[in-house]
Amino acid sequence: MSFESRLDKTANILRKTPATGAWGSVDSLDKIGEVLCRIQSSSGREYTNGKIRTEATHMVFMDKTDLLTSDILEIEGTRYEVIPPISDAGGAGHHLQVWVKERDA
């Protein structure tokens, strides 16, 4: 079974664009692309100076793509924050392994 055949979902990549125009404008999230992925429940912790900085709720596997740590992934209507660092799984440029945290609605 190939890696690609295991990618059973599509993730929309949402990127924050700065507000422009009149006073009172707000930042918006724009869809800048989509990528096939696989998501699984998981748990992990990122520590900074010995303290938990954030806790992951899922791991996402996806084809290599231009993903920033400030991006949001939307999978089946649920949005997830990317938890840095974004890992080049296996170090061969084959696919990404991304810890994410489910966002509150």
C-alpha atoms as a PDB file:
ATOM      1  CA  MET A   1       0.000   0.000   0.000  1.00  0.00           C
ATOM      2  CA  SER A   2       1.501   3.337  -1.048  1.00  0.00           C
ATOM      3  CA  PHE A   3       1.745   6.442   1.112  1.00  0.00           C
ATOM      4  CA  GLU A   4      -0.587   8.350  -1.219  1.00  0.00           C
ATOM      5  CA  SER A   5      -3.311   5.707  -0.926  1.00  0.00           C
ATOM      6  CA  ARG A   6      -3.440   6.322   2.842  1.00  0.00           C
ATOM      7  CA  LEU A   7      -4.221  10.023   2.426  1.00  0.00           C
ATOM      8  CA  ASP A   8      -7.985   9.801   2.864  1.00  0.00           C
ATOM      9  CA  LYS A   9      -8.883  13.441   3.662  1.00  0.00           C
ATOM     10  CA  THR A  10      -8.334  16.876   2.168  1.00  0.00           C
ATOM     11  CA  ALA A  11      -6.938  19.741   4.247  1.00  0.00           C
ATOM     12  CA  ASN A  12      -7.657  23.318   3.260  1.00  0.00           C
ATOM     13  CA  ILE A  13      -4.699  25.532   4.088  1.00  0.00           C
ATOM     14  CA  LEU A  14      -5.911  28.848   5.528  1.00  0.00           C
ATOM     15  CA  ARG A  15      -3.538  31.777   5.872  1.00  0.00           C
ATOM     16  CA  LYS A  16      -4.126  34.990   7.775  1.00  0.00           C
ATOM     17  CA  THR A  17      -4.004  38.077   5.598  1.00  0.00           C
ATOM     18  CA  PRO A  18      -3.485  41.439   7.248  1.00  0.00           C
ATOM     19  CA  ALA A  19      -6.295  43.940   7.437  1.00  0.00           C
ATOM     20  CA  THR A  20      -6.301  46.644   4.820  1.00  0.00           C
ATOM     21  CA  GLY A  21      -8.444  49.679   4.320  1.00  0.00           C
ATOM     22  CA  ALA A  22     -10.376  51.751   6.799  1.00  0.00           C
ATOM     23  CA  TRP A  23     -10.000  51.749  10.550  1.00  0.00           C
ATOM     24  CA  GLY A  24     -11.822  48.835  12.117  1.00  0.00           C
ATOM     25  CA  SER A  25     -10.897  46.288   9.444  1.00  0.00           C
ATOM     26  CA  VAL A  26      -9.937  42.865  10.756  1.00  0.00           C
ATOM     27  CA  ASP A  27      -7.540  40.183   9.605  1.00  0.00           C
ATOM     28  CA  SER A  28      -9.098  37.439   7.528  1.00  0.00           C
ATOM     29  CA  LEU A  29      -8.284  33.813   6.792  1.00  0.00           C
ATOM     30  CA  ASP A  30      -7.966  33.047   3.095  1.00  0.00           C
ATOM     31  CA  LYS A  31      -7.761  29.595   1.541  1.00  0.00           C
ATOM     32  CA  ILE A  32      -4.401  29.460  -0.194  1.00  0.00           C
ATOM     33  CA  GLY A  33      -4.448  25.801  -1.174  1.00  0.00           C
ATOM     34  CA  GLU A  34      -5.442  22.275  -0.338  1.00  0.00           C
ATOM     35  CA  VAL A  35      -3.537  19.055   0.126  1.00  0.00           C
ATOM     36  CA  LEU A  36      -4.392  15.399   0.601  1.00  0.00           C
ATOM     37  CA  CYS A  37      -3.769  14.275   4.160  1.00  0.00           C
ATOM     38  CA  ARG A  38      -4.378  11.741   6.877  1.00  0.00           C
ATOM     39  CA  ILE A  39      -5.284  12.838  10.400  1.00  0.00           C
ATOM     40  CA  GLN A  40      -5.184  10.773  13.547  1.00  0.00           C
ATOM     41  CA  SER A  41      -5.942  11.511  17.161  1.00  0.00           C
ATOM     42  CA  SER A  42      -2.788  11.860  19.147  1.00  0.00           C
ATOM     43  CA  SER A  43      -1.350  13.656  22.083  1.00  0.00           C
ATOM     44  CA  GLY A  44       1.907  15.417  22.479  1.00  0.00           C
ATOM     45  CA  ARG A  45       3.351  18.297  24.370  1.00  0.00           C
ATOM     46  CA  GLU A  46       5.700  21.048  23.366  1.00  0.00           C
ATOM     47  CA  TYR A  47       7.811  22.400  26.196  1.00  0.00           C
ATOM     48  CA  THR A  48       9.468  25.790  26.500  1.00  0.00           C
ATOM     49  CA  ASN A  49      11.819  26.338  29.426  1.00  0.00           C
ATOM     50  CA  GLY A  50      10.474  23.246  31.146  1.00  0.00           C
ATOM     51  CA  LYS A  51       6.838  24.363  30.964  1.00  0.00           C
ATOM     52  CA  ILE A  52       4.126  23.044  28.665  1.00  0.00           C
ATOM     53  CA  ARG A  53       3.626  25.594  25.894  1.00  0.00           C
ATOM     54  CA  THR A  54       0.886  23.776  24.024  1.00  0.00           C
ATOM     55  CA  GLU A  55      -0.701  20.363  23.758  1.00  0.00           C
ATOM     56  CA  ALA A  56      -1.368  18.657  20.446  1.00  0.00           C
ATOM     57  CA  THR A  57      -4.650  16.878  19.799  1.00  0.00           C
ATOM     58  CA  HIS A  58      -3.844  15.311  16.410  1.00  0.00           C
ATOM     59  CA  MET A  59      -1.059  14.390  14.008  1.00  0.00           C
ATOM     60  CA  VAL A  60      -1.499  15.169  10.309  1.00  0.00           C
ATOM     61  CA  PHE A  61       0.457  13.448   7.545  1.00  0.00           C
ATOM     62  CA  MET A  62       0.477  15.178   4.164  1.00  0.00           C
ATOM     63  CA  ASP A  63       2.334  15.520   0.907  1.00  0.00           C
ATOM     64  CA  LYS A  64       5.167  18.045   0.939  1.00  0.00           C
ATOM     65  CA  THR A  65       3.621  21.512   0.609  1.00  0.00           C
ATOM     66  CA  ASP A  66       4.281  25.164   1.450  1.00  0.00           C
ATOM     67  CA  LEU A  67       2.935  25.216   5.011  1.00  0.00           C
ATOM     68  CA  LEU A  68       3.706  27.921   7.574  1.00  0.00           C
ATOM     69  CA  THR A  69       3.471  27.537  11.341  1.00  0.00           C
ATOM     70  CA  SER A  70       0.966  30.399  11.378  1.00  0.00           C
ATOM     71  CA  ASP A  71      -1.384  28.593   8.952  1.00  0.00           C
ATOM     72  CA  ILE A  72      -4.629  26.910   9.945  1.00  0.00           C
ATOM     73  CA  LEU A  73      -5.627  23.512   8.578  1.00  0.00           C
ATOM     74  CA  GLU A  74      -9.323  22.895   7.984  1.00  0.00           C
ATOM     75  CA  ILE A  75     -10.239  19.220   7.689  1.00  0.00           C
ATOM     76  CA  GLU A  76     -13.866  18.172   7.328  1.00  0.00           C
ATOM     77  CA  GLY A  77     -15.052  21.511   8.746  1.00  0.00           C
ATOM     78  CA  THR A  78     -12.816  21.447  11.828  1.00  0.00           C
ATOM     79  CA  ARG A  79      -9.959  23.923  12.134  1.00  0.00           C
ATOM     80  CA  TYR A  80      -6.559  23.065  13.593  1.00  0.00           C
ATOM     81  CA  GLU A  81      -3.651  25.270  14.644  1.00  0.00           C
ATOM     82  CA  VAL A  82      -0.230  24.132  13.443  1.00  0.00           C
ATOM     83  CA  ILE A  83       2.200  23.485  16.292  1.00  0.00           C
ATOM     84  CA  PRO A  84       5.817  24.180  15.320  1.00  0.00           C
ATOM     85  CA  PRO A  85       8.068  22.764  14.152  1.00  0.00           C
ATOM     86  CA  ILE A  86       6.750  21.289  10.908  1.00  0.00           C
ATOM     87  CA  SER A  87       8.625  18.026  10.411  1.00  0.00           C
ATOM     88  CA  ASP A  88      10.003  16.749   7.115  1.00  0.00           C
ATOM     89  CA  ALA A  89       9.240  13.135   7.949  1.00  0.00           C
ATOM     90  CA  GLY A  90      12.225  10.938   7.227  1.00  0.00           C
ATOM     91  CA  GLY A  91      14.249  13.955   6.103  1.00  0.00           C
ATOM     92  CA  ALA A  92      13.878  12.999   2.444  1.00  0.00           C
ATOM     93  CA  GLY A  93      11.403  15.687   1.342  1.00  0.00           C
ATOM     94  CA  HIS A  94       8.774  12.981   0.889  1.00  0.00           C
ATOM     95  CA  HIS A  95       5.988  14.160   3.214  1.00  0.00           C
ATOM     96  CA  LEU A  96       5.236  16.309   6.245  1.00  0.00           C
ATOM     97  CA  GLN A  97       4.308  15.259   9.751  1.00  0.00           C
ATOM     98  CA  VAL A  98       2.478  18.064  11.519  1.00  0.00           C
ATOM     99  CA  TRP A  99       1.328  18.277  15.131  1.00  0.00           C
ATOM    100  CA  VAL A 100      -1.910  20.264  15.363  1.00  0.00           C
ATOM    101  CA  LYS A 101      -4.322  21.442  18.034  1.00  0.00           C
ATOM    102  CA  GLU A 102      -8.063  21.499  17.450  1.00  0.00           C
ATOM    103  CA  ARG A 103      -9.362  25.052  17.697  1.00  0.00           C
ATOM    104  CA  ASP A 104     -12.387  25.966  19.739  1.00  0.00           C
ATOM    105  CA  ALA A 105     -15.418  26.727  17.600  1.00  0.00           C
END
